[in-house]
Amino acid sequence: MGKYATISVPTEVKKVLEEAKGVDEWGKFLLKLYAEVKRLRSEEAFKELAGTLTDADLKAILESSREFRGRFAFR
């Protein structure tokens, strides 16, 4: 990583984050934290979507996927 910037946060927040980051540098720690939040949000959205689908919907999606893949098989 090239340039550095300063981010002002309350002292209490910095203490909590410093304990969580351990020996990692701040940039690496924050990027890992961001990636984890993104992953969890995606997982939550998937579960929410899956919860709205019926068994018939899931079967139709599976069949459509098989048909799509079958059309693009190597010949």
PDB file of N, CA and C in Angstrom:
ATOM      1  N   MET A   1       0.843  -1.178   0.000  1.00  0.00           N
ATOM      2  CA  MET A   1       0.000   0.000   0.000  1.00  0.00           C
ATOM      3  C   MET A   1       0.880   1.230   0.000  1.00  0.00           C
ATOM      4  N   GLY A   2       0.462   2.211  -0.754  1.00  0.00           N
ATOM      5  CA  GLY A   2       1.283   3.399  -0.930  1.00  0.00           C
ATOM      6  C   GLY A   2       1.105   4.449   0.132  1.00  0.00           C
ATOM      7  N   LYS A   3       0.255   5.414  -0.138  1.00  0.00           N
ATOM      8  CA  LYS A   3       0.077   6.546   0.758  1.00  0.00           C
ATOM      9  C   LYS A   3      -0.712   6.144   2.000  1.00  0.00           C
ATOM     10  N   TYR A   4      -0.562   6.934   3.033  1.00  0.00           N
ATOM     11  CA  TYR A   4      -1.270   6.693   4.281  1.00  0.00           C
ATOM     12  C   TYR A   4      -2.162   7.878   4.595  1.00  0.00           C
ATOM     13  N   ALA A   5      -3.248   7.622   5.330  1.00  0.00           N
ATOM     14  CA  ALA A   5      -4.168   8.666   5.759  1.00  0.00           C
ATOM     15  C   ALA A   5      -4.496   8.437   7.229  1.00  0.00           C
ATOM     16  N   THR A   6      -4.906   9.492   7.887  1.00  0.00           N
ATOM     17  CA  THR A   6      -5.301   9.409   9.280  1.00  0.00           C
ATOM     18  C   THR A   6      -6.815   9.444   9.369  1.00  0.00           C
ATOM     19  N   ILE A   7      -7.367   8.546  10.175  1.00  0.00           N
ATOM     20  CA  ILE A   7      -8.806   8.511  10.398  1.00  0.00           C
ATOM     21  C   ILE A   7      -9.044   8.762  11.877  1.00  0.00           C
ATOM     22  N   SER A   8      -9.827   9.784  12.177  1.00  0.00           N
ATOM     23  CA  SER A   8     -10.117  10.107  13.574  1.00  0.00           C
ATOM     24  C   SER A   8     -11.278   9.253  14.072  1.00  0.00           C
ATOM     25  N   VAL A   9     -11.049   8.563  15.183  1.00  0.00           N
ATOM     26  CA  VAL A   9     -12.102   7.768  15.825  1.00  0.00           C
ATOM     27  C   VAL A   9     -12.017   8.018  17.322  1.00  0.00           C
ATOM     28  N   PRO A  10     -13.136   7.827  18.029  1.00  0.00           N
ATOM     29  CA  PRO A  10     -13.083   7.974  19.484  1.00  0.00           C
ATOM     30  C   PRO A  10     -12.074   6.993  20.095  1.00  0.00           C
ATOM     31  N   THR A  11     -11.461   7.392  21.180  1.00  0.00           N
ATOM     32  CA  THR A  11     -10.438   6.596  21.851  1.00  0.00           C
ATOM     33  C   THR A  11     -10.950   5.208  22.207  1.00  0.00           C
ATOM     34  N   GLU A  12     -12.198   5.133  22.678  1.00  0.00           N
ATOM     35  CA  GLU A  12     -12.761   3.839  23.080  1.00  0.00           C
ATOM     36  C   GLU A  12     -12.836   2.887  21.877  1.00  0.00           C
ATOM     37  N   VAL A  13     -13.214   3.436  20.725  1.00  0.00           N
ATOM     38  CA  VAL A  13     -13.315   2.629  19.504  1.00  0.00           C
ATOM     39  C   VAL A  13     -11.938   2.119  19.111  1.00  0.00           C
ATOM     40  N   LYS A  14     -10.943   2.989  19.170  1.00  0.00           N
ATOM     41  CA  LYS A  14      -9.583   2.582  18.807  1.00  0.00           C
ATOM     42  C   LYS A  14      -9.078   1.472  19.719  1.00  0.00           C
ATOM     43  N   LYS A  15      -9.371   1.546  21.011  1.00  0.00           N
ATOM     44  CA  LYS A  15      -8.932   0.504  21.945  1.00  0.00           C
ATOM     45  C   LYS A  15      -9.538  -0.845  21.573  1.00  0.00           C
ATOM     46  N   VAL A  16     -10.832  -0.852  21.289  1.00  0.00           N
ATOM     47  CA  VAL A  16     -11.517  -2.099  20.920  1.00  0.00           C
ATOM     48  C   VAL A  16     -10.929  -2.665  19.635  1.00  0.00           C
ATOM     49  N   LEU A  17     -10.743  -1.801  18.635  1.00  0.00           N
ATOM     50  CA  LEU A  17     -10.204  -2.247  17.354  1.00  0.00           C
ATOM     51  C   LEU A  17      -8.755  -2.716  17.470  1.00  0.00           C
ATOM     52  N   GLU A  18      -7.963  -2.048  18.291  1.00  0.00           N
ATOM     53  CA  GLU A  18      -6.569  -2.468  18.476  1.00  0.00           C
ATOM     54  C   GLU A  18      -6.499  -3.865  19.075  1.00  0.00           C
ATOM     55  N   GLU A  19      -7.377  -4.165  20.015  1.00  0.00           N
ATOM     56  CA  GLU A  19      -7.403  -5.507  20.598  1.00  0.00           C
ATOM     57  C   GLU A  19      -7.796  -6.534  19.543  1.00  0.00           C
ATOM     58  N   ALA A  20      -8.755  -6.198  18.713  1.00  0.00           N
ATOM     59  CA  ALA A  20      -9.234  -7.130  17.686  1.00  0.00           C
ATOM     60  C   ALA A  20      -8.194  -7.349  16.593  1.00  0.00           C
ATOM     61  N   LYS A  21      -7.450  -6.308  16.230  1.00  0.00           N
ATOM     62  CA  LYS A  21      -6.503  -6.435  15.119  1.00  0.00           C
ATOM     63  C   LYS A  21      -5.262  -7.217  15.491  1.00  0.00           C
ATOM     64  N   GLY A  22      -4.931  -7.269  16.759  1.00  0.00           N
ATOM     65  CA  GLY A  22      -3.738  -8.010  17.172  1.00  0.00           C
ATOM     66  C   GLY A  22      -2.491  -7.434  16.550  1.00  0.00           C
ATOM     67  N   VAL A  23      -1.712  -8.298  15.898  1.00  0.00           N
ATOM     68  CA  VAL A  23      -0.423  -7.864  15.332  1.00  0.00           C
ATOM     69  C   VAL A  23      -0.546  -7.389  13.891  1.00  0.00           C
ATOM     70  N   ASP A  24      -1.716  -7.542  13.287  1.00  0.00           N
ATOM     71  CA  ASP A  24      -1.907  -7.083  11.903  1.00  0.00           C
ATOM     72  C   ASP A  24      -1.706  -5.579  11.804  1.00  0.00           C
ATOM     73  N   GLU A  25      -1.282  -5.134  10.632  1.00  0.00           N
ATOM     74  CA  GLU A  25      -1.218  -3.690  10.404  1.00  0.00           C
ATOM     75  C   GLU A  25      -2.650  -3.202  10.160  1.00  0.00           C
ATOM     76  N   TRP A  26      -2.871  -1.918  10.359  1.00  0.00           N
ATOM     77  CA  TRP A  26      -4.222  -1.364  10.259  1.00  0.00           C
ATOM     78  C   TRP A  26      -4.858  -1.590   8.888  1.00  0.00           C
ATOM     79  N   GLY A  27      -4.106  -1.381   7.825  1.00  0.00           N
ATOM     80  CA  GLY A  27      -4.657  -1.541   6.490  1.00  0.00           C
ATOM     81  C   GLY A  27      -5.155  -2.955   6.252  1.00  0.00           C
ATOM     82  N   LYS A  28      -4.329  -3.935   6.583  1.00  0.00           N
ATOM     83  CA  LYS A  28      -4.697  -5.343   6.399  1.00  0.00           C
ATOM     84  C   LYS A  28      -5.909  -5.686   7.262  1.00  0.00           C
ATOM     85  N   PHE A  29      -5.898  -5.239   8.513  1.00  0.00           N
ATOM     86  CA  PHE A  29      -7.001  -5.516   9.432  1.00  0.00           C
ATOM     87  C   PHE A  29      -8.319  -4.934   8.922  1.00  0.00           C
ATOM     88  N   LEU A  30      -8.291  -3.685   8.496  1.00  0.00           N
ATOM     89  CA  LEU A  30      -9.523  -3.043   8.023  1.00  0.00           C
ATOM     90  C   LEU A  30     -10.044  -3.674   6.744  1.00  0.00           C
ATOM     91  N   LEU A  31      -9.159  -4.071   5.844  1.00  0.00           N
ATOM     92  CA  LEU A  31      -9.589  -4.749   4.617  1.00  0.00           C
ATOM     93  C   LEU A  31     -10.211  -6.108   4.926  1.00  0.00           C
ATOM     94  N   LYS A  32      -9.637  -6.851   5.882  1.00  0.00           N
ATOM     95  CA  LYS A  32     -10.214  -8.133   6.289  1.00  0.00           C
ATOM     96  C   LYS A  32     -11.587  -7.924   6.922  1.00  0.00           C
ATOM     97  N   LEU A  33     -11.700  -6.907   7.738  1.00  0.00           N
ATOM     98  CA  LEU A  33     -12.972  -6.586   8.390  1.00  0.00           C
ATOM     99  C   LEU A  33     -14.029  -6.234   7.351  1.00  0.00           C
ATOM    100  N   TYR A  34     -13.648  -5.435   6.368  1.00  0.00           N
ATOM    101  CA  TYR A  34     -14.559  -5.046   5.288  1.00  0.00           C
ATOM    102  C   TYR A  34     -15.006  -6.267   4.489  1.00  0.00           C
ATOM    103  N   ALA A  35     -14.062  -7.146   4.148  1.00  0.00           N
ATOM    104  CA  ALA A  35     -14.383  -8.348   3.371  1.00  0.00           C
ATOM    105  C   ALA A  35     -15.348  -9.242   4.145  1.00  0.00           C
ATOM    106  N   GLU A  36     -15.153  -9.363   5.437  1.00  0.00           N
ATOM    107  CA  GLU A  36     -16.038 -10.183   6.265  1.00  0.00           C
ATOM    108  C   GLU A  36     -17.448  -9.609   6.319  1.00  0.00           C
ATOM    109  N   VAL A  37     -17.563  -8.298   6.460  1.00  0.00           N
ATOM    110  CA  VAL A  37     -18.878  -7.661   6.474  1.00  0.00           C
ATOM    111  C   VAL A  37     -19.578  -7.863   5.137  1.00  0.00           C
ATOM    112  N   LYS A  38     -18.845  -7.710   4.047  1.00  0.00           N
ATOM    113  CA  LYS A  38     -19.419  -7.928   2.714  1.00  0.00           C
ATOM    114  C   LYS A  38     -19.917  -9.357   2.563  1.00  0.00           C
ATOM    115  N   ARG A  39     -19.125 -10.320   3.014  1.00  0.00           N
ATOM    116  CA  ARG A  39     -19.493 -11.729   2.925  1.00  0.00           C
ATOM    117  C   ARG A  39     -20.752 -12.011   3.735  1.00  0.00           C
ATOM    118  N   LEU A  40     -20.802 -11.495   4.946  1.00  0.00           N
ATOM    119  CA  LEU A  40     -21.957 -11.721   5.809  1.00  0.00           C
ATOM    120  C   LEU A  40     -23.222 -11.083   5.240  1.00  0.00           C
ATOM    121  N   ARG A  41     -23.099  -9.899   4.660  1.00  0.00           N
ATOM    122  CA  ARG A  41     -24.261  -9.245   4.055  1.00  0.00           C
ATOM    123  C   ARG A  41     -24.760 -10.038   2.848  1.00  0.00           C
ATOM    124  N   SER A  42     -23.844 -10.555   2.059  1.00  0.00           N
ATOM    125  CA  SER A  42     -24.231 -11.363   0.907  1.00  0.00           C
ATOM    126  C   SER A  42     -24.926 -12.639   1.362  1.00  0.00           C
ATOM    127  N   GLU A  43     -24.373 -13.267   2.381  1.00  0.00           N
ATOM    128  CA  GLU A  43     -24.961 -14.495   2.921  1.00  0.00           C
ATOM    129  C   GLU A  43     -26.371 -14.228   3.464  1.00  0.00           C
ATOM    130  N   GLU A  44     -26.523 -13.124   4.167  1.00  0.00           N
ATOM    131  CA  GLU A  44     -27.829 -12.749   4.711  1.00  0.00           C
ATOM    132  C   GLU A  44     -28.837 -12.489   3.594  1.00  0.00           C
ATOM    133  N   ALA A  45     -28.411 -11.792   2.550  1.00  0.00           N
ATOM    134  CA  ALA A  45     -29.297 -11.509   1.419  1.00  0.00           C
ATOM    135  C   ALA A  45     -29.692 -12.806   0.718  1.00  0.00           C
ATOM    136  N   PHE A  46     -28.742 -13.734   0.579  1.00  0.00           N
ATOM    137  CA  PHE A  46     -29.044 -15.016  -0.051  1.00  0.00           C
ATOM    138  C   PHE A  46     -30.068 -15.790   0.766  1.00  0.00           C
ATOM    139  N   LYS A  47     -29.873 -15.834   2.079  1.00  0.00           N
ATOM    140  CA  LYS A  47     -30.814 -16.551   2.947  1.00  0.00           C
ATOM    141  C   LYS A  47     -32.207 -15.918   2.880  1.00  0.00           C
ATOM    142  N   GLU A  48     -32.254 -14.607   2.839  1.00  0.00           N
ATOM    143  CA  GLU A  48     -33.537 -13.911   2.748  1.00  0.00           C
ATOM    144  C   GLU A  48     -34.231 -14.250   1.425  1.00  0.00           C
ATOM    145  N   LEU A  49     -33.482 -14.233   0.340  1.00  0.00           N
ATOM    146  CA  LEU A  49     -34.041 -14.568  -0.964  1.00  0.00           C
ATOM    147  C   LEU A  49     -34.492 -16.022  -1.001  1.00  0.00           C
ATOM    148  N   ALA A  50     -33.647 -16.907  -0.505  1.00  0.00           N
ATOM    149  CA  ALA A  50     -33.984 -18.331  -0.499  1.00  0.00           C
ATOM    150  C   ALA A  50     -35.244 -18.593   0.328  1.00  0.00           C
ATOM    151  N   GLY A  51     -35.435 -17.803   1.375  1.00  0.00           N
ATOM    152  CA  GLY A  51     -36.614 -17.957   2.219  1.00  0.00           C
ATOM    153  C   GLY A  51     -37.904 -17.564   1.514  1.00  0.00           C
ATOM    154  N   THR A  52     -37.797 -16.768   0.465  1.00  0.00           N
ATOM    155  CA  THR A  52     -39.003 -16.326  -0.244  1.00  0.00           C
ATOM    156  C   THR A  52     -39.379 -17.280  -1.377  1.00  0.00           C
ATOM    157  N   LEU A  53     -38.469 -18.210  -1.713  1.00  0.00           N
ATOM    158  CA  LEU A  53     -38.722 -19.126  -2.818  1.00  0.00           C
ATOM    159  C   LEU A  53     -39.440 -20.389  -2.333  1.00  0.00           C
ATOM    160  N   THR A  54     -40.359 -20.863  -3.129  1.00  0.00           N
ATOM    161  CA  THR A  54     -41.054 -22.113  -2.825  1.00  0.00           C
ATOM    162  C   THR A  54     -40.251 -23.275  -3.394  1.00  0.00           C
ATOM    163  N   ASP A  55     -40.643 -24.503  -3.031  1.00  0.00           N
ATOM    164  CA  ASP A  55     -39.993 -25.686  -3.599  1.00  0.00           C
ATOM    165  C   ASP A  55     -40.149 -25.714  -5.115  1.00  0.00           C
ATOM    166  N   ALA A  56     -41.306 -25.297  -5.597  1.00  0.00           N
ATOM    167  CA  ALA A  56     -41.537 -25.261  -7.046  1.00  0.00           C
ATOM    168  C   ALA A  56     -40.590 -24.266  -7.717  1.00  0.00           C
ATOM    169  N   ASP A  57     -40.370 -23.107  -7.074  1.00  0.00           N
ATOM    170  CA  ASP A  57     -39.434 -22.117  -7.607  1.00  0.00           C
ATOM    171  C   ASP A  57     -38.025 -22.690  -7.688  1.00  0.00           C
ATOM    172  N   LEU A  58     -37.598 -23.351  -6.617  1.00  0.00           N
ATOM    173  CA  LEU A  58     -36.251 -23.923  -6.571  1.00  0.00           C
ATOM    174  C   LEU A  58     -36.072 -25.002  -7.631  1.00  0.00           C
ATOM    175  N   LYS A  59     -37.093 -25.839  -7.822  1.00  0.00           N
ATOM    176  CA  LYS A  59     -37.018 -26.876  -8.862  1.00  0.00           C
ATOM    177  C   LYS A  59     -36.932 -26.243 -10.246  1.00  0.00           C
ATOM    178  N   ALA A  60     -37.703 -25.192 -10.485  1.00  0.00           N
ATOM    179  CA  ALA A  60     -37.670 -24.509 -11.779  1.00  0.00           C
ATOM    180  C   ALA A  60     -36.309 -23.888 -12.034  1.00  0.00           C
ATOM    181  N   ILE A  61     -35.708 -23.293 -11.014  1.00  0.00           N
ATOM    182  CA  ILE A  61     -34.374 -22.693 -11.145  1.00  0.00           C
ATOM    183  C   ILE A  61     -33.343 -23.774 -11.452  1.00  0.00           C
ATOM    184  N   LEU A  62     -33.418 -24.896 -10.745  1.00  0.00           N
ATOM    185  CA  LEU A  62     -32.486 -25.995 -10.969  1.00  0.00           C
ATOM    186  C   LEU A  62     -32.608 -26.536 -12.389  1.00  0.00           C
ATOM    187  N   GLU A  63     -33.836 -26.744 -12.854  1.00  0.00           N
ATOM    188  CA  GLU A  63     -34.052 -27.249 -14.201  1.00  0.00           C
ATOM    189  C   GLU A  63     -33.546 -26.251 -15.243  1.00  0.00           C
ATOM    190  N   SER A  64     -33.809 -24.983 -15.026  1.00  0.00           N
ATOM    191  CA  SER A  64     -33.347 -23.948 -15.945  1.00  0.00           C
ATOM    192  C   SER A  64     -31.820 -23.927 -16.005  1.00  0.00           C
ATOM    193  N   SER A  65     -31.183 -24.081 -14.850  1.00  0.00           N
ATOM    194  CA  SER A  65     -29.723 -24.095 -14.786  1.00  0.00           C
ATOM    195  C   SER A  65     -29.161 -25.285 -15.558  1.00  0.00           C
ATOM    196  N   ARG A  66     -29.770 -26.451 -15.378  1.00  0.00           N
ATOM    197  CA  ARG A  66     -29.308 -27.653 -16.100  1.00  0.00           C
ATOM    198  C   ARG A  66     -29.460 -27.460 -17.607  1.00  0.00           C
ATOM    199  N   GLU A  67     -30.593 -26.910 -18.009  1.00  0.00           N
ATOM    200  CA  GLU A  67     -30.844 -26.682 -19.437  1.00  0.00           C
ATOM    201  C   GLU A  67     -29.819 -25.696 -20.005  1.00  0.00           C
ATOM    202  N   PHE A  68     -29.562 -24.628 -19.268  1.00  0.00           N
ATOM    203  CA  PHE A  68     -28.598 -23.618 -19.700  1.00  0.00           C
ATOM    204  C   PHE A  68     -27.211 -24.234 -19.865  1.00  0.00           C
ATOM    205  N   ARG A  69     -26.780 -24.994 -18.877  1.00  0.00           N
ATOM    206  CA  ARG A  69     -25.450 -25.619 -18.931  1.00  0.00           C
ATOM    207  C   ARG A  69     -25.362 -26.641 -20.059  1.00  0.00           C
ATOM    208  N   GLY A  70     -26.454 -27.344 -20.298  1.00  0.00           N
ATOM    209  CA  GLY A  70     -26.478 -28.327 -21.372  1.00  0.00           C
ATOM    210  C   GLY A  70     -26.299 -27.707 -22.738  1.00  0.00           C
ATOM    211  N   ARG A  71     -26.817 -26.552 -22.909  1.00  0.00           N
ATOM    212  CA  ARG A  71     -26.694 -25.852 -24.206  1.00  0.00           C
ATOM    213  C   ARG A  71     -25.275 -25.364 -24.466  1.00  0.00           C
ATOM    214  N   PHE A  72     -24.498 -25.155 -23.411  1.00  0.00           N
ATOM    215  CA  PHE A  72     -23.159 -24.614 -23.575  1.00  0.00           C
ATOM    216  C   PHE A  72     -22.072 -25.653 -23.332  1.00  0.00           C
ATOM    217  N   ALA A  73     -22.408 -26.917 -23.471  1.00  0.00           N
ATOM    218  CA  ALA A  73     -21.419 -27.983 -23.300  1.00  0.00           C
ATOM    219  C   ALA A  73     -20.435 -27.955 -24.460  1.00  0.00           C
ATOM    220  N   PHE A  74     -19.196 -28.335 -24.178  1.00  0.00           N
ATOM    221  CA  PHE A  74     -18.181 -28.406 -25.231  1.00  0.00           C
ATOM    222  C   PHE A  74     -18.540 -29.532 -26.188  1.00  0.00           C
ATOM    223  N   ARG A  75     -18.335 -29.304 -27.448  1.00  0.00           N
ATOM    224  CA  ARG A  75     -18.650 -30.330 -28.451  1.00  0.00           C
ATOM    225  C   ARG A  75     -17.409 -30.798 -29.142  1.00  0.00           C
TER     226      ARG A  75
END
